[in-house]
C-alpha cells in the first residue's frame, strides 16, 4: 500500500443514507422510522441506552436482517449505488464493500495473525486465480495477487501495531490486540464502509486510546483506490465517542432522538433525558456525567443546583 495521504474530506453526497427504517419482530418494534446519513471520511457514532436498537440497525445495514420498512442506500465514490435492503448479507460484503466487526471477537484462533488477514482477502485471491485454477498452476496473475495480499496484510499489521506478532496464533493474543486484529482484518477487505460494534468493549484506558488513534487514521487516510472509508460505530465508551466522532446519532427505544455533531448531541435535552430519565430531581452519578461530557448541571439535583 502506498504512503498514506490524510486530509479532511469535502462535503459530498452521503456514503450511506438510511431512510425511514423500521424493523419489527412480531409485536416488538426494534427500530422505528429511523433516518440519518453517514459520509466517507467521517466517523458516525450510534449511541443510546441498552436496548435502544443500535445493533438491530447494524444488522439491517450489513444484511443480517431485512428491514420491515425503509431504504438503505450505499453510494460508492465512483457513483455506483447499492440498495442494501434488497441484497443478501454476503453480497453486501462482497459487492457493496461493507465490512463489520462484532461485539464478540470472531477471529480464526488457530491461524496465525498474518493468516487471518490473508483469509480476509479470499474473494480477491479467488478472482485472481480464476477460482483456483490459476493458483494450482502458479500463474503470474495469481502470484502477483498473492504478493499484494501479503503486503496489504503487513501494512495493516503495522497500522494496528501487531507486526511483531505476525506469526502468533490469533487466539493467543491479549484481548486488546485481538480487538485491533479484528479491525485490521476488516480493513483488508478494502471496504468503503466499516461497521464496528462496540470495539472498545473490555479495553483499558490505554487500549481505548490506541483504538481511537487507529480509527482516526482509518477515517482520514486515502485507500489505494483513492477514496476514504466511512466508519459507522456503536460504542458505549462516551469518552471515545466524543473524542473521535464527526457525527453522532442517538437512539432511544428504537427511535432517533438526536442527530448532529458531538457538541450538539451532548447538550441536547432529549439526550440528557434518555440517560437520566424525566425527573429533574434525579441525580446522575458524577462519573457517568463525566463520561458523557454532559453540562455540569445535568448530573445535579435541584437542591444541588440551588446550593
C-alpha atoms as a PDB file:
ATOM      1  CA  UNK A   1       0.000   0.000   0.000  1.00  0.00           C
ATOM      2  CA  UNK A   2       1.343   3.423  -0.907  1.00  0.00           C
ATOM      3  CA  UNK A   3       2.215   6.090   1.617  1.00  0.00           C
ATOM      4  CA  UNK A   4      -0.841   7.402   3.402  1.00  0.00           C
ATOM      5  CA  UNK A   5      -2.317  10.761   2.481  1.00  0.00           C
ATOM      6  CA  UNK A   6      -4.582  12.328   5.068  1.00  0.00           C
ATOM      7  CA  UNK A   7      -6.812  15.340   4.680  1.00  0.00           C
ATOM      8  CA  UNK A   8     -10.315  16.365   5.634  1.00  0.00           C
ATOM      9  CA  UNK A   9     -12.993  15.405   3.106  1.00  0.00           C
ATOM     10  CA  UNK A  10     -15.013  17.912   1.138  1.00  0.00           C
ATOM     11  CA  UNK A  11     -18.768  17.843   1.628  1.00  0.00           C
ATOM     12  CA  UNK A  12     -20.126  15.378  -0.911  1.00  0.00           C
ATOM     13  CA  UNK A  13     -23.114  13.100  -1.284  1.00  0.00           C
ATOM     14  CA  UNK A  14     -23.530  10.837   1.746  1.00  0.00           C
ATOM     15  CA  UNK A  15     -21.902   7.421   1.627  1.00  0.00           C
ATOM     16  CA  UNK A  16     -24.830   5.789   3.455  1.00  0.00           C
ATOM     17  CA  UNK A  17     -28.400   7.064   3.554  1.00  0.00           C
ATOM     18  CA  UNK A  18     -30.842   5.408   5.947  1.00  0.00           C
ATOM     19  CA  UNK A  19     -34.424   6.448   5.213  1.00  0.00           C
ATOM     20  CA  UNK A  20     -37.444   5.663   7.422  1.00  0.00           C
ATOM     21  CA  UNK A  21     -36.026   2.334   8.573  1.00  0.00           C
ATOM     22  CA  UNK A  22     -38.382   0.235  10.679  1.00  0.00           C
ATOM     23  CA  UNK A  23     -37.583  -3.266  11.945  1.00  0.00           C
ATOM     24  CA  UNK A  24     -40.311  -5.310  13.613  1.00  0.00           C
ATOM     25  CA  UNK A  25     -40.091  -8.701  15.283  1.00  0.00           C
ATOM     26  CA  UNK A  26     -43.743  -9.663  15.667  1.00  0.00           C
ATOM     27  CA  UNK A  27     -45.168  -7.074  18.037  1.00  0.00           C
ATOM     28  CA  UNK A  28     -41.739  -5.698  19.004  1.00  0.00           C
ATOM     29  CA  UNK A  29     -40.570  -2.633  17.100  1.00  0.00           C
ATOM     30  CA  UNK A  30     -36.772  -2.577  17.441  1.00  0.00           C
ATOM     31  CA  UNK A  31     -36.227   0.360  15.055  1.00  0.00           C
ATOM     32  CA  UNK A  32     -38.980   2.864  14.392  1.00  0.00           C
ATOM     33  CA  UNK A  33     -38.764   5.225  11.395  1.00  0.00           C
ATOM     34  CA  UNK A  34     -35.023   5.909  11.743  1.00  0.00           C
ATOM     35  CA  UNK A  35     -33.338   8.191   9.192  1.00  0.00           C
ATOM     36  CA  UNK A  36     -29.759   9.507   9.095  1.00  0.00           C
ATOM     37  CA  UNK A  37     -26.722   9.872   6.837  1.00  0.00           C
ATOM     38  CA  UNK A  38     -23.082   8.793   7.146  1.00  0.00           C
ATOM     39  CA  UNK A  39     -20.280  10.201   4.992  1.00  0.00           C
ATOM     40  CA  UNK A  40     -16.995   8.888   3.688  1.00  0.00           C
ATOM     41  CA  UNK A  41     -14.034  10.194   5.653  1.00  0.00           C
ATOM     42  CA  UNK A  42     -16.142  10.623   8.788  1.00  0.00           C
ATOM     43  CA  UNK A  43     -16.841   8.619  11.932  1.00  0.00           C
ATOM     44  CA  UNK A  44     -20.571   8.350  12.596  1.00  0.00           C
ATOM     45  CA  UNK A  45     -21.386   7.024  16.065  1.00  0.00           C
ATOM     46  CA  UNK A  46     -24.641   5.331  17.055  1.00  0.00           C
ATOM     47  CA  UNK A  47     -25.246   5.706  20.766  1.00  0.00           C
ATOM     48  CA  UNK A  48     -28.103   5.188  23.177  1.00  0.00           C
ATOM     49  CA  UNK A  49     -29.082   3.231  26.281  1.00  0.00           C
ATOM     50  CA  UNK A  50     -29.112  -0.573  26.237  1.00  0.00           C
ATOM     51  CA  UNK A  51     -31.987  -1.871  24.123  1.00  0.00           C
ATOM     52  CA  UNK A  52     -32.172   1.292  22.020  1.00  0.00           C
ATOM     53  CA  UNK A  53     -31.946  -0.648  18.738  1.00  0.00           C
ATOM     54  CA  UNK A  54     -28.349   0.080  17.741  1.00  0.00           C
ATOM     55  CA  UNK A  55     -27.242  -3.475  16.935  1.00  0.00           C
ATOM     56  CA  UNK A  56     -30.525  -4.195  15.152  1.00  0.00           C
ATOM     57  CA  UNK A  57     -29.850  -1.225  12.894  1.00  0.00           C
ATOM     58  CA  UNK A  58     -26.319  -2.537  12.260  1.00  0.00           C
ATOM     59  CA  UNK A  59     -27.792  -5.916  11.352  1.00  0.00           C
ATOM     60  CA  UNK A  60     -30.013  -4.242   8.769  1.00  0.00           C
ATOM     61  CA  UNK A  61     -27.105  -2.306   7.238  1.00  0.00           C
ATOM     62  CA  UNK A  62     -24.923  -5.428   6.997  1.00  0.00           C
ATOM     63  CA  UNK A  63     -27.615  -7.796   5.711  1.00  0.00           C
ATOM     64  CA  UNK A  64     -28.207  -9.971   8.766  1.00  0.00           C
ATOM     65  CA  UNK A  65     -31.775  -8.626   8.867  1.00  0.00           C
ATOM     66  CA  UNK A  66     -34.021  -7.340   6.101  1.00  0.00           C
ATOM     67  CA  UNK A  67     -35.827  -4.247   7.392  1.00  0.00           C
ATOM     68  CA  UNK A  68     -39.612  -4.371   7.571  1.00  0.00           C
ATOM     69  CA  UNK A  69     -39.819  -0.924   6.000  1.00  0.00           C
ATOM     70  CA  UNK A  70     -37.229   1.552   4.792  1.00  0.00           C
ATOM     71  CA  UNK A  71     -34.397   2.226   2.396  1.00  0.00           C
ATOM     72  CA  UNK A  72     -30.641   1.748   2.869  1.00  0.00           C
ATOM     73  CA  UNK A  73     -28.648   3.310   0.036  1.00  0.00           C
ATOM     74  CA  UNK A  74     -24.854   2.964  -0.161  1.00  0.00           C
ATOM     75  CA  UNK A  75     -23.125   5.208  -2.725  1.00  0.00           C
ATOM     76  CA  UNK A  76     -19.642   4.318  -3.911  1.00  0.00           C
ATOM     77  CA  UNK A  77     -17.205   7.145  -4.698  1.00  0.00           C
ATOM     78  CA  UNK A  78     -17.321   6.366  -8.424  1.00  0.00           C
ATOM     79  CA  UNK A  79     -21.108   6.748  -8.440  1.00  0.00           C
ATOM     80  CA  UNK A  80     -22.492   3.202  -8.124  1.00  0.00           C
ATOM     81  CA  UNK A  81     -25.429   2.818  -5.745  1.00  0.00           C
ATOM     82  CA  UNK A  82     -26.467  -0.264  -3.797  1.00  0.00           C
ATOM     83  CA  UNK A  83     -29.859  -0.696  -2.131  1.00  0.00           C
ATOM     84  CA  UNK A  84     -28.741  -2.791   0.819  1.00  0.00           C
ATOM     85  CA  UNK A  85     -32.228  -3.814   1.926  1.00  0.00           C
ATOM     86  CA  UNK A  86     -32.545  -5.777  -1.342  1.00  0.00           C
ATOM     87  CA  UNK A  87     -29.222  -7.624  -1.042  1.00  0.00           C
ATOM     88  CA  UNK A  88     -28.249 -10.769   0.905  1.00  0.00           C
ATOM     89  CA  UNK A  89     -25.548 -10.278   3.507  1.00  0.00           C
ATOM     90  CA  UNK A  90     -22.738 -11.983   1.604  1.00  0.00           C
ATOM     91  CA  UNK A  91     -23.369  -9.724  -1.406  1.00  0.00           C
ATOM     92  CA  UNK A  92     -23.279  -6.630   0.800  1.00  0.00           C
ATOM     93  CA  UNK A  93     -19.801  -7.615   1.957  1.00  0.00           C
ATOM     94  CA  UNK A  94     -18.559  -8.817  -1.435  1.00  0.00           C
ATOM     95  CA  UNK A  95     -20.086  -6.284  -3.848  1.00  0.00           C
ATOM     96  CA  UNK A  96     -21.135  -3.263  -1.806  1.00  0.00           C
ATOM     97  CA  UNK A  97     -17.907  -3.127   0.212  1.00  0.00           C
ATOM     98  CA  UNK A  98     -19.314  -3.168   3.749  1.00  0.00           C
ATOM     99  CA  UNK A  99     -17.134  -4.760   6.454  1.00  0.00           C
ATOM    100  CA  UNK A 100     -18.114  -5.429  10.039  1.00  0.00           C
ATOM    101  CA  UNK A 101     -16.792  -6.454  13.432  1.00  0.00           C
ATOM    102  CA  UNK A 102     -18.933  -7.849  16.246  1.00  0.00           C
ATOM    103  CA  UNK A 103     -19.341  -7.349  19.988  1.00  0.00           C
ATOM    104  CA  UNK A 104     -17.860 -10.831  20.485  1.00  0.00           C
ATOM    105  CA  UNK A 105     -14.466 -11.384  18.863  1.00  0.00           C
ATOM    106  CA  UNK A 106     -14.678 -13.757  15.869  1.00  0.00           C
ATOM    107  CA  UNK A 107     -11.108 -14.459  14.799  1.00  0.00           C
ATOM    108  CA  UNK A 108      -9.701 -17.729  13.464  1.00  0.00           C
ATOM    109  CA  UNK A 109      -7.946 -18.528  16.724  1.00  0.00           C
ATOM    110  CA  UNK A 110      -5.864 -21.433  15.397  1.00  0.00           C
ATOM    111  CA  UNK A 111      -4.488 -19.451  12.452  1.00  0.00           C
ATOM    112  CA  UNK A 112      -1.595 -17.033  12.663  1.00  0.00           C
ATOM    113  CA  UNK A 113      -2.212 -13.312  12.908  1.00  0.00           C
ATOM    114  CA  UNK A 114      -0.932 -12.838   9.348  1.00  0.00           C
ATOM    115  CA  UNK A 115      -3.074 -15.695   8.011  1.00  0.00           C
ATOM    116  CA  UNK A 116      -6.198 -14.084   9.478  1.00  0.00           C
ATOM    117  CA  UNK A 117      -5.550 -11.027   7.316  1.00  0.00           C
ATOM    118  CA  UNK A 118      -4.818 -13.036   4.179  1.00  0.00           C
ATOM    119  CA  UNK A 119      -8.005 -15.099   4.607  1.00  0.00           C
ATOM    120  CA  UNK A 120      -9.928 -11.800   4.651  1.00  0.00           C
ATOM    121  CA  UNK A 121      -8.766 -11.300   1.048  1.00  0.00           C
ATOM    122  CA  UNK A 122     -10.119 -14.665  -0.108  1.00  0.00           C
ATOM    123  CA  UNK A 123     -12.510 -13.216  -2.712  1.00  0.00           C
ATOM    124  CA  UNK A 124      -9.777 -11.159  -4.357  1.00  0.00           C
ATOM    125  CA  UNK A 125      -7.404 -14.139  -4.456  1.00  0.00           C
ATOM    126  CA  UNK A 126     -10.073 -16.439  -5.885  1.00  0.00           C
ATOM    127  CA  UNK A 127     -10.795 -13.996  -8.701  1.00  0.00           C
ATOM    128  CA  UNK A 128      -7.077 -13.674  -9.458  1.00  0.00           C
ATOM    129  CA  UNK A 129      -6.706 -17.463  -9.576  1.00  0.00           C
ATOM    130  CA  UNK A 130      -9.722 -17.913 -11.878  1.00  0.00           C
ATOM    131  CA  UNK A 131     -11.315 -19.706  -8.941  1.00  0.00           C
ATOM    132  CA  UNK A 132      -8.403 -21.999  -8.017  1.00  0.00           C
ATOM    133  CA  UNK A 133      -7.045 -22.964 -11.455  1.00  0.00           C
ATOM    134  CA  UNK A 134      -4.527 -20.117 -11.548  1.00  0.00           C
ATOM    135  CA  UNK A 135      -3.396 -20.910  -8.029  1.00  0.00           C
ATOM    136  CA  UNK A 136      -2.843 -24.576  -8.838  1.00  0.00           C
ATOM    137  CA  UNK A 137      -0.850 -23.675 -11.952  1.00  0.00           C
ATOM    138  CA  UNK A 138       1.065 -20.871 -10.252  1.00  0.00           C
ATOM    139  CA  UNK A 139       0.080 -18.338 -12.917  1.00  0.00           C
ATOM    140  CA  UNK A 140       1.753 -14.901 -12.738  1.00  0.00           C
ATOM    141  CA  UNK A 141      -1.577 -13.154 -12.119  1.00  0.00           C
ATOM    142  CA  UNK A 142      -2.165 -15.270  -9.020  1.00  0.00           C
ATOM    143  CA  UNK A 143       1.390 -14.872  -7.713  1.00  0.00           C
ATOM    144  CA  UNK A 144       1.061 -11.116  -8.126  1.00  0.00           C
ATOM    145  CA  UNK A 145      -2.285 -11.065  -6.283  1.00  0.00           C
ATOM    146  CA  UNK A 146      -0.850 -13.247  -3.508  1.00  0.00           C
ATOM    147  CA  UNK A 147       2.100 -10.876  -3.087  1.00  0.00           C
ATOM    148  CA  UNK A 148      -0.264  -7.885  -2.929  1.00  0.00           C
ATOM    149  CA  UNK A 149      -2.407  -9.670  -0.328  1.00  0.00           C
ATOM    150  CA  UNK A 150       0.612 -10.295   1.901  1.00  0.00           C
ATOM    151  CA  UNK A 151       1.777  -6.690   1.519  1.00  0.00           C
ATOM    152  CA  UNK A 152      -1.671  -5.341   2.410  1.00  0.00           C
ATOM    153  CA  UNK A 153      -1.784  -7.640   5.449  1.00  0.00           C
ATOM    154  CA  UNK A 154       1.636  -6.415   6.582  1.00  0.00           C
ATOM    155  CA  UNK A 155       0.552  -2.816   6.078  1.00  0.00           C
ATOM    156  CA  UNK A 156      -2.429  -3.198   8.398  1.00  0.00           C
ATOM    157  CA  UNK A 157      -0.411  -5.190  10.924  1.00  0.00           C
ATOM    158  CA  UNK A 158       1.887  -2.192  11.148  1.00  0.00           C
ATOM    159  CA  UNK A 159      -1.020   0.248  11.443  1.00  0.00           C
ATOM    160  CA  UNK A 160      -2.541  -1.683  14.374  1.00  0.00           C
ATOM    161  CA  UNK A 161       0.867  -2.328  15.975  1.00  0.00           C
ATOM    162  CA  UNK A 162       0.878  -6.096  15.602  1.00  0.00           C
ATOM    163  CA  UNK A 163       3.818  -6.622  13.233  1.00  0.00           C
ATOM    164  CA  UNK A 164       5.891  -8.405  15.871  1.00  0.00           C
ATOM    165  CA  UNK A 165       3.006 -10.840  16.493  1.00  0.00           C
ATOM    166  CA  UNK A 166       2.506 -11.816  12.820  1.00  0.00           C
ATOM    167  CA  UNK A 167       3.399 -15.485  13.437  1.00  0.00           C
ATOM    168  CA  UNK A 168       1.470 -15.859  16.688  1.00  0.00           C
ATOM    169  CA  UNK A 169      -1.747 -17.836  16.769  1.00  0.00           C
ATOM    170  CA  UNK A 170      -4.512 -15.240  16.875  1.00  0.00           C
ATOM    171  CA  UNK A 171      -6.168 -16.957  19.829  1.00  0.00           C
ATOM    172  CA  UNK A 172      -3.043 -16.399  21.949  1.00  0.00           C
ATOM    173  CA  UNK A 173      -3.046 -12.617  21.562  1.00  0.00           C
ATOM    174  CA  UNK A 174      -4.056 -10.431  24.506  1.00  0.00           C
ATOM    175  CA  UNK A 175      -7.670  -9.272  24.377  1.00  0.00           C
ATOM    176  CA  UNK A 176      -6.916  -5.718  23.264  1.00  0.00           C
ATOM    177  CA  UNK A 177      -4.642  -6.977  20.485  1.00  0.00           C
ATOM    178  CA  UNK A 178      -7.404  -9.303  19.267  1.00  0.00           C
ATOM    179  CA  UNK A 179      -9.714  -6.292  19.008  1.00  0.00           C
ATOM    180  CA  UNK A 180      -7.157  -4.469  16.877  1.00  0.00           C
ATOM    181  CA  UNK A 181      -6.623  -7.554  14.720  1.00  0.00           C
ATOM    182  CA  UNK A 182     -10.354  -7.736  14.002  1.00  0.00           C
ATOM    183  CA  UNK A 183     -10.283  -4.164  12.721  1.00  0.00           C
ATOM    184  CA  UNK A 184      -7.202  -4.883  10.590  1.00  0.00           C
ATOM    185  CA  UNK A 185      -8.905  -7.958   9.143  1.00  0.00           C
ATOM    186  CA  UNK A 186     -11.969  -5.914   8.217  1.00  0.00           C
ATOM    187  CA  UNK A 187      -9.774  -3.271   6.561  1.00  0.00           C
ATOM    188  CA  UNK A 188      -8.024  -5.944   4.472  1.00  0.00           C
ATOM    189  CA  UNK A 189     -11.308  -6.338   2.586  1.00  0.00           C
ATOM    190  CA  UNK A 190     -10.798  -2.702   1.472  1.00  0.00           C
ATOM    191  CA  UNK A 191     -14.303  -1.584   2.463  1.00  0.00           C
ATOM    192  CA  UNK A 192     -15.984   1.697   1.650  1.00  0.00           C
ATOM    193  CA  UNK A 193     -17.967   1.402   4.921  1.00  0.00           C
ATOM    194  CA  UNK A 194     -16.534  -0.089   8.128  1.00  0.00           C
ATOM    195  CA  UNK A 195     -19.109  -1.027  10.787  1.00  0.00           C
ATOM    196  CA  UNK A 196     -17.728  -1.524  14.298  1.00  0.00           C
ATOM    197  CA  UNK A 197     -19.937  -2.907  17.067  1.00  0.00           C
ATOM    198  CA  UNK A 198     -18.529  -1.801  20.444  1.00  0.00           C
ATOM    199  CA  UNK A 199     -14.824  -2.049  19.556  1.00  0.00           C
ATOM    200  CA  UNK A 200     -13.782  -0.503  22.893  1.00  0.00           C
ATOM    201  CA  UNK A 201     -15.704  -3.051  24.987  1.00  0.00           C
ATOM    202  CA  UNK A 202     -13.407  -4.565  27.600  1.00  0.00           C
ATOM    203  CA  UNK A 203     -10.463  -2.287  26.808  1.00  0.00           C
ATOM    204  CA  UNK A 204      -8.496  -0.391  29.442  1.00  0.00           C
ATOM    205  CA  UNK A 205      -7.909   3.378  29.021  1.00  0.00           C
ATOM    206  CA  UNK A 206      -4.548   2.908  27.270  1.00  0.00           C
ATOM    207  CA  UNK A 207      -6.033   0.421  24.814  1.00  0.00           C
ATOM    208  CA  UNK A 208      -9.005   2.716  24.211  1.00  0.00           C
ATOM    209  CA  UNK A 209      -6.573   5.499  23.354  1.00  0.00           C
ATOM    210  CA  UNK A 210      -4.785   3.235  20.858  1.00  0.00           C
ATOM    211  CA  UNK A 211      -8.143   2.305  19.340  1.00  0.00           C
ATOM    212  CA  UNK A 212      -9.062   5.970  18.924  1.00  0.00           C
ATOM    213  CA  UNK A 213      -5.800   6.593  17.055  1.00  0.00           C
ATOM    214  CA  UNK A 214      -6.449   3.653  14.716  1.00  0.00           C
ATOM    215  CA  UNK A 215      -9.995   4.784  13.943  1.00  0.00           C
ATOM    216  CA  UNK A 216      -8.990   8.368  13.217  1.00  0.00           C
ATOM    217  CA  UNK A 217      -6.289   7.063  10.876  1.00  0.00           C
ATOM    218  CA  UNK A 218      -8.846   4.896   9.042  1.00  0.00           C
ATOM    219  CA  UNK A 219     -11.150   7.899   8.764  1.00  0.00           C
ATOM    220  CA  UNK A 220      -8.511  10.246   7.368  1.00  0.00           C
ATOM    221  CA  UNK A 221      -6.391   8.054   5.087  1.00  0.00           C
ATOM    222  CA  UNK A 222      -6.980   7.570   1.372  1.00  0.00           C
ATOM    223  CA  UNK A 223      -7.155   3.986   0.161  1.00  0.00           C
ATOM    224  CA  UNK A 224      -5.150   2.806  -2.890  1.00  0.00           C
ATOM    225  CA  UNK A 225      -8.360   3.316  -4.885  1.00  0.00           C
ATOM    226  CA  UNK A 226      -8.355   6.988  -3.866  1.00  0.00           C
ATOM    227  CA  UNK A 227     -11.422   7.013  -1.624  1.00  0.00           C
ATOM    228  CA  UNK A 228     -11.849   7.462   2.115  1.00  0.00           C
ATOM    229  CA  UNK A 229     -13.544   4.911   4.298  1.00  0.00           C
ATOM    230  CA  UNK A 230     -16.661   5.804   6.236  1.00  0.00           C
ATOM    231  CA  UNK A 231     -16.833   4.447   9.789  1.00  0.00           C
ATOM    232  CA  UNK A 232     -20.139   3.554  11.453  1.00  0.00           C
ATOM    233  CA  UNK A 233     -19.564   2.950  15.147  1.00  0.00           C
ATOM    234  CA  UNK A 234     -21.648   1.580  18.008  1.00  0.00           C
ATOM    235  CA  UNK A 235     -19.952   2.434  21.273  1.00  0.00           C
ATOM    236  CA  UNK A 236     -20.826   2.800  24.959  1.00  0.00           C
ATOM    237  CA  UNK A 237     -17.497   4.425  25.884  1.00  0.00           C
ATOM    238  CA  UNK A 238     -18.561   8.052  25.609  1.00  0.00           C
ATOM    239  CA  UNK A 239     -15.025   9.344  26.104  1.00  0.00           C
ATOM    240  CA  UNK A 240     -14.070   7.589  22.842  1.00  0.00           C
ATOM    241  CA  UNK A 241     -17.248   8.668  21.033  1.00  0.00           C
ATOM    242  CA  UNK A 242     -16.970  12.342  21.922  1.00  0.00           C
ATOM    243  CA  UNK A 243     -13.246  12.439  21.152  1.00  0.00           C
ATOM    244  CA  UNK A 244     -13.251  10.961  17.649  1.00  0.00           C
ATOM    245  CA  UNK A 245     -16.761  11.201  16.178  1.00  0.00           C
ATOM    246  CA  UNK A 246     -17.684  13.698  13.492  1.00  0.00           C
ATOM    247  CA  UNK A 247     -21.386  12.895  13.691  1.00  0.00           C
ATOM    248  CA  UNK A 248     -23.459  11.265  16.424  1.00  0.00           C
ATOM    249  CA  UNK A 249     -26.885   9.639  16.088  1.00  0.00           C
ATOM    250  CA  UNK A 250     -28.758   8.893  19.322  1.00  0.00           C
ATOM    251  CA  UNK A 251     -31.395   6.160  19.548  1.00  0.00           C
ATOM    252  CA  UNK A 252     -33.820   5.517  22.389  1.00  0.00           C
ATOM    253  CA  UNK A 253     -36.467   2.778  22.352  1.00  0.00           C
ATOM    254  CA  UNK A 254     -35.842   2.314  18.638  1.00  0.00           C
ATOM    255  CA  UNK A 255     -36.388   5.954  17.659  1.00  0.00           C
ATOM    256  CA  UNK A 256     -33.850   8.578  16.701  1.00  0.00           C
ATOM    257  CA  UNK A 257     -33.954  11.342  19.309  1.00  0.00           C
ATOM    258  CA  UNK A 258     -30.916  13.399  18.280  1.00  0.00           C
ATOM    259  CA  UNK A 259     -28.566  13.754  15.327  1.00  0.00           C
ATOM    260  CA  UNK A 260     -25.602  16.104  14.908  1.00  0.00           C
ATOM    261  CA  UNK A 261     -22.041  16.850  15.917  1.00  0.00           C
ATOM    262  CA  UNK A 262     -20.843  15.759  19.380  1.00  0.00           C
ATOM    263  CA  UNK A 263     -21.185  19.249  20.856  1.00  0.00           C
ATOM    264  CA  UNK A 264     -24.821  19.484  19.774  1.00  0.00           C
ATOM    265  CA  UNK A 265     -25.702  15.982  20.951  1.00  0.00           C
ATOM    266  CA  UNK A 266     -24.131  16.203  24.396  1.00  0.00           C
ATOM    267  CA  UNK A 267     -26.162  19.356  25.141  1.00  0.00           C
ATOM    268  CA  UNK A 268     -29.447  18.110  23.669  1.00  0.00           C
ATOM    269  CA  UNK A 269     -32.144  17.919  26.394  1.00  0.00           C
ATOM    270  CA  UNK A 270     -33.638  14.832  24.712  1.00  0.00           C
ATOM    271  CA  UNK A 271     -30.319  13.002  25.064  1.00  0.00           C
ATOM    272  CA  UNK A 272     -29.934  14.046  28.682  1.00  0.00           C
ATOM    273  CA  UNK A 273     -33.470  12.815  29.435  1.00  0.00           C
ATOM    274  CA  UNK A 274     -32.753   9.472  27.734  1.00  0.00           C
ATOM    275  CA  UNK A 275     -29.774   8.876  30.021  1.00  0.00           C
ATOM    276  CA  UNK A 276     -31.200  10.492  33.180  1.00  0.00           C
ATOM    277  CA  UNK A 277     -34.950   9.959  32.994  1.00  0.00           C
ATOM    278  CA  UNK A 278     -37.647  12.623  33.117  1.00  0.00           C
ATOM    279  CA  UNK A 279     -37.277  13.548  36.805  1.00  0.00           C
ATOM    280  CA  UNK A 280     -35.048  16.606  37.153  1.00  0.00           C
ATOM    281  CA  UNK A 281     -34.597  15.819  40.847  1.00  0.00           C
ATOM    282  CA  UNK A 282     -32.925  12.509  39.994  1.00  0.00           C
ATOM    283  CA  UNK A 283     -29.152  12.895  40.248  1.00  0.00           C
ATOM    284  CA  UNK A 284     -26.745  11.447  37.705  1.00  0.00           C
ATOM    285  CA  UNK A 285     -23.627   9.866  39.227  1.00  0.00           C
ATOM    286  CA  UNK A 286     -20.708  12.268  38.609  1.00  0.00           C
ATOM    287  CA  UNK A 287     -18.612   9.613  36.852  1.00  0.00           C
ATOM    288  CA  UNK A 288     -21.422   8.967  34.337  1.00  0.00           C
ATOM    289  CA  UNK A 289     -21.854  12.678  33.665  1.00  0.00           C
ATOM    290  CA  UNK A 290     -18.099  12.937  33.114  1.00  0.00           C
ATOM    291  CA  UNK A 291     -18.105  10.058  30.619  1.00  0.00           C
ATOM    292  CA  UNK A 292     -20.965  11.642  28.710  1.00  0.00           C
ATOM    293  CA  UNK A 293     -19.313  15.083  28.870  1.00  0.00           C
ATOM    294  CA  UNK A 294     -22.681  16.481  29.909  1.00  0.00           C
ATOM    295  CA  UNK A 295     -23.063  20.059  31.168  1.00  0.00           C
ATOM    296  CA  UNK A 296     -22.234  20.276  34.884  1.00  0.00           C
ATOM    297  CA  UNK A 297     -25.876  20.865  35.861  1.00  0.00           C
ATOM    298  CA  UNK A 298     -27.014  17.663  34.145  1.00  0.00           C
ATOM    299  CA  UNK A 299     -25.822  15.487  36.989  1.00  0.00           C
ATOM    300  CA  UNK A 300     -27.046  17.682  39.862  1.00  0.00           C
ATOM    301  CA  UNK A 301     -30.247  17.515  41.845  1.00  0.00           C
ATOM    302  CA  UNK A 302     -32.426  20.599  42.195  1.00  0.00           C
ATOM    303  CA  UNK A 303     -31.100  21.107  45.715  1.00  0.00           C
ATOM    304  CA  UNK A 304     -27.503  20.965  44.462  1.00  0.00           C
ATOM    305  CA  UNK A 305     -28.261  23.476  41.718  1.00  0.00           C
ATOM    306  CA  UNK A 306     -29.569  25.946  44.252  1.00  0.00           C
ATOM    307  CA  UNK A 307     -26.746  25.417  46.753  1.00  0.00           C
END
